[in-house]
Each structure stands twice: as structure tokens, then as C-alpha cells.
Amino acid sequence: ISRDNAKNTVYLQMNSLKPEDTAVYYCAATPQPLAT
């Protein structure tokens, strides 16, 4: 995961993908410092 605040964009680079990675992927924003 990475972000470019100048472009207001967050990225998810996915390598070595597996069939079990199949899903709908959502991004989200939180006021917490870091959240799971």
C-alpha cells in the first residue's frame, strides 16, 4: 500500500496473485492514525 498526497491518491500494488484474492476491493478513509 502507498499514497501520493499531492495527487490525493492511494494505491494497492498486488503481486503473486492467487485465486483466493478474488474479491471486490474497497478503499476507505479514517481519522485514526492507523486502523484495521
PDB file of all heavy atoms in Angstrom:
ATOM      1  N   ILE A   1       0.852  -1.184   0.000  1.00  0.00           N
ATOM      2  CA  ILE A   1       0.000   0.000   0.000  1.00  0.00           C
ATOM      3  C   ILE A   1       0.891   1.238   0.000  1.00  0.00           C
ATOM      4  O   ILE A   1       1.934   1.268   0.649  1.00  0.00           O
ATOM      5  CB  ILE A   1      -0.958   0.000   1.211  1.00  0.00           C
ATOM      6  CG1 ILE A   1      -1.964   1.149   1.101  1.00  0.00           C
ATOM      7  CG2 ILE A   1      -0.199   0.053   2.525  1.00  0.00           C
ATOM      8  CD1 ILE A   1      -3.077   1.082   2.146  1.00  0.00           C
ATOM      9  N   SER A   2       0.492   2.258  -0.746  1.00  0.00           N
ATOM     10  CA  SER A   2       1.237   3.507  -0.803  1.00  0.00           C
ATOM     11  C   SER A   2       0.262   4.648  -1.058  1.00  0.00           C
ATOM     12  O   SER A   2      -0.899   4.426  -1.402  1.00  0.00           O
ATOM     13  CB  SER A   2       2.318   3.454  -1.891  1.00  0.00           C
ATOM     14  OG  SER A   2       1.740   3.280  -3.174  1.00  0.00           O
ATOM     15  N   ARG A   3       0.738   5.874  -0.874  1.00  0.00           N
ATOM     16  CA  ARG A   3      -0.117   7.021  -1.141  1.00  0.00           C
ATOM     17  C   ARG A   3       0.704   8.177  -1.689  1.00  0.00           C
ATOM     18  O   ARG A   3       1.895   8.309  -1.412  1.00  0.00           O
ATOM     19  CB  ARG A   3      -0.877   7.453   0.123  1.00  0.00           C
ATOM     20  CG  ARG A   3      -0.010   8.029   1.230  1.00  0.00           C
ATOM     21  CD  ARG A   3      -0.817   8.219   2.513  1.00  0.00           C
ATOM     22  NE  ARG A   3      -1.888   9.186   2.350  1.00  0.00           N
ATOM     23  CZ  ARG A   3      -2.931   9.305   3.176  1.00  0.00           C
ATOM     24  NH1 ARG A   3      -3.051   8.485   4.217  1.00  0.00           N
ATOM     25  NH2 ARG A   3      -3.862  10.228   2.954  1.00  0.00           N
ATOM     26  N   ASP A   4       0.046   9.014  -2.471  1.00  0.00           N
ATOM     27  CA  ASP A   4       0.632  10.224  -3.018  1.00  0.00           C
ATOM     28  C   ASP A   4      -0.318  11.353  -2.652  1.00  0.00           C
ATOM     29  O   ASP A   4      -1.331  11.569  -3.316  1.00  0.00           O
ATOM     30  CB  ASP A   4       0.813  10.112  -4.528  1.00  0.00           C
ATOM     31  CG  ASP A   4       1.560  11.291  -5.113  1.00  0.00           C
ATOM     32  OD1 ASP A   4       1.619  12.361  -4.480  1.00  0.00           O
ATOM     33  OD2 ASP A   4       2.103  11.152  -6.234  1.00  0.00           O
ATOM     34  N   ASN A   5      -0.002  12.066  -1.578  1.00  0.00           N
ATOM     35  CA  ASN A   5      -0.894  13.112  -1.093  1.00  0.00           C
ATOM     36  C   ASN A   5      -1.013  14.282  -2.070  1.00  0.00           C
ATOM     37  O   ASN A   5      -2.039  14.958  -2.102  1.00  0.00           O
ATOM     38  CB  ASN A   5      -0.423  13.610   0.273  1.00  0.00           C
ATOM     39  CG  ASN A   5      -0.668  12.601   1.370  1.00  0.00           C
ATOM     40  OD1 ASN A   5      -1.432  11.652   1.198  1.00  0.00           O
ATOM     41  ND2 ASN A   5      -0.017  12.784   2.512  1.00  0.00           N
ATOM     42  N   ALA A   6       0.024  14.525  -2.860  1.00  0.00           N
ATOM     43  CA  ALA A   6      -0.031  15.583  -3.861  1.00  0.00           C
ATOM     44  C   ALA A   6      -1.068  15.280  -4.931  1.00  0.00           C
ATOM     45  O   ALA A   6      -1.629  16.192  -5.538  1.00  0.00           O
ATOM     46  CB  ALA A   6       1.337  15.794  -4.493  1.00  0.00           C
ATOM     47  N   LYS A   7      -1.330  13.992  -5.179  1.00  0.00           N
ATOM     48  CA  LYS A   7      -2.315  13.565  -6.169  1.00  0.00           C
ATOM     49  C   LYS A   7      -3.622  13.098  -5.536  1.00  0.00           C
ATOM     50  O   LYS A   7      -4.521  12.652  -6.248  1.00  0.00           O
ATOM     51  CB  LYS A   7      -1.744  12.451  -7.046  1.00  0.00           C
ATOM     52  CG  LYS A   7      -0.542  12.864  -7.870  1.00  0.00           C
ATOM     53  CD  LYS A   7      -0.037  11.719  -8.724  1.00  0.00           C
ATOM     54  CE  LYS A   7       1.140  12.146  -9.575  1.00  0.00           C
ATOM     55  NZ  LYS A   7       1.662  11.032 -10.403  1.00  0.00           N
ATOM     56  N   ASN A   8      -3.718  13.168  -4.220  1.00  0.00           N
ATOM     57  CA  ASN A   8      -4.908  12.717  -3.494  1.00  0.00           C
ATOM     58  C   ASN A   8      -5.285  11.280  -3.866  1.00  0.00           C
ATOM     59  O   ASN A   8      -6.455  10.961  -4.101  1.00  0.00           O
ATOM     60  CB  ASN A   8      -6.094  13.643  -3.760  1.00  0.00           C
ATOM     61  CG  ASN A   8      -5.963  14.983  -3.076  1.00  0.00           C
ATOM     62  OD1 ASN A   8      -5.028  15.223  -2.310  1.00  0.00           O
ATOM     63  ND2 ASN A   8      -6.901  15.874  -3.351  1.00  0.00           N
ATOM     64  N   THR A   9      -4.286  10.409  -3.903  1.00  0.00           N
ATOM     65  CA  THR A   9      -4.497   9.044  -4.369  1.00  0.00           C
ATOM     66  C   THR A   9      -3.769   8.038  -3.475  1.00  0.00           C
ATOM     67  O   THR A   9      -2.639   8.291  -3.054  1.00  0.00           O
ATOM     68  CB  THR A   9      -4.015   8.872  -5.815  1.00  0.00           C
ATOM     69  OG1 THR A   9      -4.717   9.799  -6.661  1.00  0.00           O
ATOM     70  CG2 THR A   9      -4.287   7.467  -6.320  1.00  0.00           C
ATOM     71  N   VAL A  10      -4.426   6.915  -3.208  1.00  0.00           N
ATOM     72  CA  VAL A  10      -3.807   5.792  -2.512  1.00  0.00           C
ATOM     73  C   VAL A  10      -3.804   4.600  -3.462  1.00  0.00           C
ATOM     74  O   VAL A  10      -4.720   4.442  -4.278  1.00  0.00           O
ATOM     75  CB  VAL A  10      -4.545   5.473  -1.190  1.00  0.00           C
ATOM     76  CG1 VAL A  10      -5.985   5.042  -1.448  1.00  0.00           C
ATOM     77  CG2 VAL A  10      -3.792   4.413  -0.402  1.00  0.00           C
ATOM     78  N   TYR A  11      -2.768   3.767  -3.363  1.00  0.00           N
ATOM     79  CA  TYR A  11      -2.592   2.643  -4.275  1.00  0.00           C
ATOM     80  C   TYR A  11      -2.480   1.330  -3.515  1.00  0.00           C
ATOM     81  O   TYR A  11      -2.082   1.295  -2.355  1.00  0.00           O
ATOM     82  CB  TYR A  11      -1.317   2.817  -5.111  1.00  0.00           C
ATOM     83  CG  TYR A  11      -1.235   4.121  -5.856  1.00  0.00           C
ATOM     84  CD1 TYR A  11      -0.561   5.209  -5.319  1.00  0.00           C
ATOM     85  CD2 TYR A  11      -1.834   4.263  -7.103  1.00  0.00           C
ATOM     86  CE1 TYR A  11      -0.475   6.410  -5.999  1.00  0.00           C
ATOM     87  CE2 TYR A  11      -1.756   5.461  -7.794  1.00  0.00           C
ATOM     88  CZ  TYR A  11      -1.079   6.533  -7.238  1.00  0.00           C
ATOM     89  OH  TYR A  11      -1.006   7.719  -7.925  1.00  0.00           O
ATOM     90  N   LEU A  12      -2.818   0.253  -4.194  1.00  0.00           N
ATOM     91  CA  LEU A  12      -2.563  -1.088  -3.692  1.00  0.00           C
ATOM     92  C   LEU A  12      -1.917  -1.893  -4.810  1.00  0.00           C
ATOM     93  O   LEU A  12      -2.585  -2.249  -5.787  1.00  0.00           O
ATOM     94  CB  LEU A  12      -3.849  -1.772  -3.215  1.00  0.00           C
ATOM     95  CG  LEU A  12      -3.651  -3.141  -2.567  1.00  0.00           C
ATOM     96  CD1 LEU A  12      -2.918  -2.998  -1.232  1.00  0.00           C
ATOM     97  CD2 LEU A  12      -4.988  -3.854  -2.363  1.00  0.00           C
ATOM     98  N   GLN A  13      -0.617  -2.142  -4.681  1.00  0.00           N
ATOM     99  CA  GLN A  13       0.104  -2.967  -5.635  1.00  0.00           C
ATOM    100  C   GLN A  13      -0.014  -4.417  -5.201  1.00  0.00           C
ATOM    101  O   GLN A  13       0.389  -4.766  -4.090  1.00  0.00           O
ATOM    102  CB  GLN A  13       1.572  -2.552  -5.703  1.00  0.00           C
ATOM    103  CG  GLN A  13       2.423  -3.401  -6.648  1.00  0.00           C
ATOM    104  CD  GLN A  13       2.028  -3.240  -8.092  1.00  0.00           C
ATOM    105  OE1 GLN A  13       1.857  -2.123  -8.567  1.00  0.00           O
ATOM    106  NE2 GLN A  13       1.873  -4.351  -8.800  1.00  0.00           N
ATOM    107  N   MET A  14      -0.543  -5.271  -6.068  1.00  0.00           N
ATOM    108  CA  MET A  14      -0.785  -6.669  -5.744  1.00  0.00           C
ATOM    109  C   MET A  14       0.076  -7.540  -6.647  1.00  0.00           C
ATOM    110  O   MET A  14      -0.079  -7.517  -7.868  1.00  0.00           O
ATOM    111  CB  MET A  14      -2.265  -7.015  -5.917  1.00  0.00           C
ATOM    112  CG  MET A  14      -3.202  -6.127  -5.107  1.00  0.00           C
ATOM    113  SD  MET A  14      -4.943  -6.600  -5.273  1.00  0.00           S
ATOM    114  CE  MET A  14      -5.204  -6.227  -7.015  1.00  0.00           C
ATOM    115  N   ASN A  15       0.982  -8.304  -6.046  1.00  0.00           N
ATOM    116  CA  ASN A  15       1.859  -9.213  -6.770  1.00  0.00           C
ATOM    117  C   ASN A  15       1.583 -10.650  -6.358  1.00  0.00           C
ATOM    118  O   ASN A  15       0.982 -10.912  -5.320  1.00  0.00           O
ATOM    119  CB  ASN A  15       3.326  -8.872  -6.497  1.00  0.00           C
ATOM    120  CG  ASN A  15       3.709  -7.486  -6.947  1.00  0.00           C
ATOM    121  OD1 ASN A  15       3.188  -6.967  -7.934  1.00  0.00           O
ATOM    122  ND2 ASN A  15       4.650  -6.873  -6.229  1.00  0.00           N
ATOM    123  N   SER A  16       2.048 -11.590  -7.173  1.00  0.00           N
ATOM    124  CA  SER A  16       1.885 -13.018  -6.894  1.00  0.00           C
ATOM    125  C   SER A  16       0.437 -13.352  -6.537  1.00  0.00           C
ATOM    126  O   SER A  16       0.163 -14.032  -5.546  1.00  0.00           O
ATOM    127  CB  SER A  16       2.829 -13.449  -5.765  1.00  0.00           C
ATOM    128  OG  SER A  16       4.181 -13.192  -6.101  1.00  0.00           O
ATOM    129  N   LEU A  17      -0.473 -12.896  -7.350  1.00  0.00           N
ATOM    130  CA  LEU A  17      -1.894 -13.050  -7.061  1.00  0.00           C
ATOM    131  C   LEU A  17      -2.326 -14.511  -7.088  1.00  0.00           C
ATOM    132  O   LEU A  17      -1.827 -15.309  -7.886  1.00  0.00           O
ATOM    133  CB  LEU A  17      -2.722 -12.243  -8.046  1.00  0.00           C
ATOM    134  CG  LEU A  17      -2.757 -10.736  -7.758  1.00  0.00           C
ATOM    135  CD1 LEU A  17      -3.232  -9.961  -8.972  1.00  0.00           C
ATOM    136  CD2 LEU A  17      -3.656 -10.458  -6.554  1.00  0.00           C
ATOM    137  N   LYS A  18      -3.263 -14.839  -6.202  1.00  0.00           N
ATOM    138  CA  LYS A  18      -3.811 -16.169  -6.061  1.00  0.00           C
ATOM    139  C   LYS A  18      -5.315 -16.132  -6.316  1.00  0.00           C
ATOM    140  O   LYS A  18      -5.941 -15.092  -6.126  1.00  0.00           O
ATOM    141  CB  LYS A  18      -3.549 -16.713  -4.654  1.00  0.00           C
ATOM    142  CG  LYS A  18      -2.095 -16.685  -4.215  1.00  0.00           C
ATOM    143  CD  LYS A  18      -1.968 -17.081  -2.753  1.00  0.00           C
ATOM    144  CE  LYS A  18      -0.534 -17.032  -2.292  1.00  0.00           C
ATOM    145  NZ  LYS A  18      -0.404 -17.390  -0.854  1.00  0.00           N
ATOM    146  N   PRO A  19      -5.912 -17.266  -6.721  1.00  0.00           N
ATOM    147  CA  PRO A  19      -7.372 -17.279  -6.921  1.00  0.00           C
ATOM    148  C   PRO A  19      -8.144 -16.828  -5.679  1.00  0.00           C
ATOM    149  O   PRO A  19      -9.200 -16.204  -5.821  1.00  0.00           O
ATOM    150  CB  PRO A  19      -7.662 -18.745  -7.253  1.00  0.00           C
ATOM    151  CG  PRO A  19      -6.413 -19.219  -7.911  1.00  0.00           C
ATOM    152  CD  PRO A  19      -5.297 -18.523  -7.164  1.00  0.00           C
ATOM    153  N   GLU A  20      -7.639 -17.112  -4.488  1.00  0.00           N
ATOM    154  CA  GLU A  20      -8.318 -16.701  -3.269  1.00  0.00           C
ATOM    155  C   GLU A  20      -8.274 -15.196  -3.021  1.00  0.00           C
ATOM    156  O   GLU A  20      -8.916 -14.700  -2.095  1.00  0.00           O
ATOM    157  CB  GLU A  20      -7.765 -17.444  -2.042  1.00  0.00           C
ATOM    158  CG  GLU A  20      -6.251 -17.387  -1.914  1.00  0.00           C
ATOM    159  CD  GLU A  20      -5.567 -18.633  -2.456  1.00  0.00           C
ATOM    160  OE1 GLU A  20      -5.954 -19.094  -3.552  1.00  0.00           O
ATOM    161  OE2 GLU A  20      -4.655 -19.154  -1.783  1.00  0.00           O
ATOM    162  N   ASP A  21      -7.524 -14.456  -3.831  1.00  0.00           N
ATOM    163  CA  ASP A  21      -7.538 -12.996  -3.764  1.00  0.00           C
ATOM    164  C   ASP A  21      -8.731 -12.402  -4.501  1.00  0.00           C
ATOM    165  O   ASP A  21      -8.951 -11.186  -4.420  1.00  0.00           O
ATOM    166  CB  ASP A  21      -6.251 -12.413  -4.346  1.00  0.00           C
ATOM    167  CG  ASP A  21      -5.019 -12.764  -3.530  1.00  0.00           C
ATOM    168  OD1 ASP A  21      -5.094 -12.724  -2.285  1.00  0.00           O
ATOM    169  OD2 ASP A  21      -3.983 -13.072  -4.144  1.00  0.00           O
ATOM    170  N   THR A  22      -9.481 -13.219  -5.218  1.00  0.00           N
ATOM    171  CA  THR A  22     -10.652 -12.747  -5.951  1.00  0.00           C
ATOM    172  C   THR A  22     -11.665 -12.143  -4.989  1.00  0.00           C
ATOM    173  O   THR A  22     -12.098 -12.788  -4.043  1.00  0.00           O
ATOM    174  CB  THR A  22     -11.294 -13.890  -6.741  1.00  0.00           C
ATOM    175  OG1 THR A  22     -10.383 -14.351  -7.741  1.00  0.00           O
ATOM    176  CG2 THR A  22     -12.577 -13.433  -7.414  1.00  0.00           C
ATOM    177  N   ALA A  23     -12.044 -10.891  -5.233  1.00  0.00           N
ATOM    178  CA  ALA A  23     -12.967 -10.187  -4.349  1.00  0.00           C
ATOM    179  C   ALA A  23     -13.256  -8.805  -4.923  1.00  0.00           C
ATOM    180  O   ALA A  23     -12.603  -8.357  -5.868  1.00  0.00           O
ATOM    181  CB  ALA A  23     -12.370 -10.040  -2.948  1.00  0.00           C
ATOM    182  N   VAL A  24     -14.230  -8.137  -4.327  1.00  0.00           N
ATOM    183  CA  VAL A  24     -14.418  -6.712  -4.563  1.00  0.00           C
ATOM    184  C   VAL A  24     -13.540  -5.976  -3.560  1.00  0.00           C
ATOM    185  O   VAL A  24     -13.618  -6.236  -2.356  1.00  0.00           O
ATOM    186  CB  VAL A  24     -15.887  -6.291  -4.404  1.00  0.00           C
ATOM    187  CG1 VAL A  24     -16.028  -4.779  -4.556  1.00  0.00           C
ATOM    188  CG2 VAL A  24     -16.758  -7.002  -5.426  1.00  0.00           C
ATOM    189  N   TYR A  25     -12.711  -5.077  -4.042  1.00  0.00           N
ATOM    190  CA  TYR A  25     -11.784  -4.340  -3.193  1.00  0.00           C
ATOM    191  C   TYR A  25     -12.296  -2.929  -2.959  1.00  0.00           C
ATOM    192  O   TYR A  25     -12.686  -2.234  -3.904  1.00  0.00           O
ATOM    193  CB  TYR A  25     -10.396  -4.298  -3.826  1.00  0.00           C
ATOM    194  CG  TYR A  25      -9.647  -5.599  -3.686  1.00  0.00           C
ATOM    195  CD1 TYR A  25     -10.026  -6.721  -4.416  1.00  0.00           C
ATOM    196  CD2 TYR A  25      -8.568  -5.714  -2.804  1.00  0.00           C
ATOM    197  CE1 TYR A  25      -9.354  -7.925  -4.267  1.00  0.00           C
ATOM    198  CE2 TYR A  25      -7.889  -6.913  -2.651  1.00  0.00           C
ATOM    199  CZ  TYR A  25      -8.285  -8.013  -3.388  1.00  0.00           C
ATOM    200  OH  TYR A  25      -7.615  -9.207  -3.246  1.00  0.00           O
ATOM    201  N   TYR A  26     -12.286  -2.504  -1.700  1.00  0.00           N
ATOM    202  CA  TYR A  26     -12.775  -1.191  -1.295  1.00  0.00           C
ATOM    203  C   TYR A  26     -11.663  -0.389  -0.632  1.00  0.00           C
ATOM    204  O   TYR A  26     -10.896  -0.934   0.161  1.00  0.00           O
ATOM    205  CB  TYR A  26     -13.912  -1.318  -0.279  1.00  0.00           C
ATOM    206  CG  TYR A  26     -15.127  -2.063  -0.762  1.00  0.00           C
ATOM    207  CD1 TYR A  26     -15.218  -3.441  -0.633  1.00  0.00           C
ATOM    208  CD2 TYR A  26     -16.196  -1.380  -1.329  1.00  0.00           C
ATOM    209  CE1 TYR A  26     -16.344  -4.129  -1.064  1.00  0.00           C
ATOM    210  CE2 TYR A  26     -17.325  -2.056  -1.757  1.00  0.00           C
ATOM    211  CZ  TYR A  26     -17.389  -3.437  -1.623  1.00  0.00           C
ATOM    212  OH  TYR A  26     -18.507  -4.113  -2.045  1.00  0.00           O
ATOM    213  N   CYS A  27     -11.585   0.894  -0.927  1.00  0.00           N
ATOM    214  CA  CYS A  27     -10.716   1.770  -0.156  1.00  0.00           C
ATOM    215  C   CYS A  27     -11.557   2.565   0.824  1.00  0.00           C
ATOM    216  O   CYS A  27     -12.762   2.748   0.633  1.00  0.00           O
ATOM    217  CB  CYS A  27      -9.886   2.698  -1.049  1.00  0.00           C
ATOM    218  SG  CYS A  27     -10.812   3.978  -1.913  1.00  0.00           S
ATOM    219  N   ALA A  28     -10.931   3.012   1.902  1.00  0.00           N
ATOM    220  CA  ALA A  28     -11.646   3.712   2.959  1.00  0.00           C
ATOM    221  C   ALA A  28     -10.723   4.706   3.649  1.00  0.00           C
ATOM    222  O   ALA A  28      -9.499   4.564   3.611  1.00  0.00           O
ATOM    223  CB  ALA A  28     -12.195   2.708   3.975  1.00  0.00           C
ATOM    224  N   ALA A  29     -11.320   5.703   4.298  1.00  0.00           N
ATOM    225  CA  ALA A  29     -10.575   6.753   4.996  1.00  0.00           C
ATOM    226  C   ALA A  29     -10.986   6.814   6.452  1.00  0.00           C
ATOM    227  O   ALA A  29     -12.164   6.663   6.783  1.00  0.00           O
ATOM    228  CB  ALA A  29     -10.820   8.101   4.327  1.00  0.00           C
ATOM    229  N   THR A  30     -10.008   7.056   7.334  1.00  0.00           N
ATOM    230  CA  THR A  30     -10.253   7.096   8.770  1.00  0.00           C
ATOM    231  C   THR A  30      -9.473   8.233   9.419  1.00  0.00           C
ATOM    232  O   THR A  30      -8.360   8.544   8.994  1.00  0.00           O
ATOM    233  CB  THR A  30      -9.847   5.768   9.438  1.00  0.00           C
ATOM    234  OG1 THR A  30      -9.982   5.878  10.856  1.00  0.00           O
ATOM    235  CG2 THR A  30      -8.397   5.398   9.117  1.00  0.00           C
ATOM    236  N   PRO A  31     -10.045   8.874  10.462  1.00  0.00           N
ATOM    237  CA  PRO A  31      -9.278   9.874  11.209  1.00  0.00           C
ATOM    238  C   PRO A  31      -8.271   9.259  12.177  1.00  0.00           C
ATOM    239  O   PRO A  31      -7.460   9.987  12.748  1.00  0.00           O
ATOM    240  CB  PRO A  31     -10.365  10.646  11.963  1.00  0.00           C
ATOM    241  CG  PRO A  31     -11.453   9.645  12.161  1.00  0.00           C
ATOM    242  CD  PRO A  31     -11.434   8.789  10.924  1.00  0.00           C
ATOM    243  N   GLN A  32      -8.316   7.951  12.393  1.00  0.00           N
ATOM    244  CA  GLN A  32      -7.363   7.276  13.253  1.00  0.00           C
ATOM    245  C   GLN A  32      -5.968   7.305  12.642  1.00  0.00           C
ATOM    246  O   GLN A  32      -5.825   7.372  11.419  1.00  0.00           O
ATOM    247  CB  GLN A  32      -7.792   5.830  13.499  1.00  0.00           C
ATOM    248  CG  GLN A  32      -9.137   5.683  14.181  1.00  0.00           C
ATOM    249  CD  GLN A  32      -9.109   6.173  15.601  1.00  0.00           C
ATOM    250  OE1 GLN A  32      -8.130   5.966  16.316  1.00  0.00           O
ATOM    251  NE2 GLN A  32     -10.174   6.826  16.025  1.00  0.00           N
ATOM    252  N   PRO A  33      -4.921   7.227  13.455  1.00  0.00           N
ATOM    253  CA  PRO A  33      -3.551   7.202  12.912  1.00  0.00           C
ATOM    254  C   PRO A  33      -3.309   6.020  11.986  1.00  0.00           C
ATOM    255  O   PRO A  33      -2.610   6.143  10.979  1.00  0.00           O
ATOM    256  CB  PRO A  33      -2.679   7.125  14.167  1.00  0.00           C
ATOM    257  CG  PRO A  33      -3.522   7.696  15.257  1.00  0.00           C
ATOM    258  CD  PRO A  33      -4.923   7.269  14.926  1.00  0.00           C
ATOM    259  N   LEU A  34      -3.853   4.862  12.342  1.00  0.00           N
ATOM    260  CA  LEU A  34      -3.751   3.638  11.567  1.00  0.00           C
ATOM    261  C   LEU A  34      -4.827   2.713  12.108  1.00  0.00           C
ATOM    262  O   LEU A  34      -4.978   2.582  13.320  1.00  0.00           O
ATOM    263  CB  LEU A  34      -2.364   3.013  11.724  1.00  0.00           C
ATOM    264  CG  LEU A  34      -1.893   2.005  10.677  1.00  0.00           C
ATOM    265  CD1 LEU A  34      -1.727   2.684   9.325  1.00  0.00           C
ATOM    266  CD2 LEU A  34      -0.585   1.364  11.108  1.00  0.00           C
ATOM    267  N   ALA A  35      -5.606   2.079  11.235  1.00  0.00           N
ATOM    268  CA  ALA A  35      -6.746   1.300  11.687  1.00  0.00           C
ATOM    269  C   ALA A  35      -6.927   0.043  10.849  1.00  0.00           C
ATOM    270  O   ALA A  35      -6.633   0.032   9.646  1.00  0.00           O
ATOM    271  CB  ALA A  35      -8.019   2.139  11.636  1.00  0.00           C
ATOM    272  N   THR A  36      -7.433  -1.020  11.491  1.00  0.00           N
ATOM    273  CA  THR A  36      -7.678  -2.290  10.819  1.00  0.00           C
ATOM    274  C   THR A  36      -9.134  -2.732  10.896  1.00  0.00           C
ATOM    275  O   THR A  36      -9.501  -3.710  10.247  1.00  0.00           O
ATOM    276  CB  THR A  36      -6.805  -3.405  11.409  1.00  0.00           C
ATOM    277  OG1 THR A  36      -7.143  -3.608  12.792  1.00  0.00           O
ATOM    278  CG2 THR A  36      -5.324  -3.048  11.309  1.00  0.00           C
TER     279      THR A  36
END
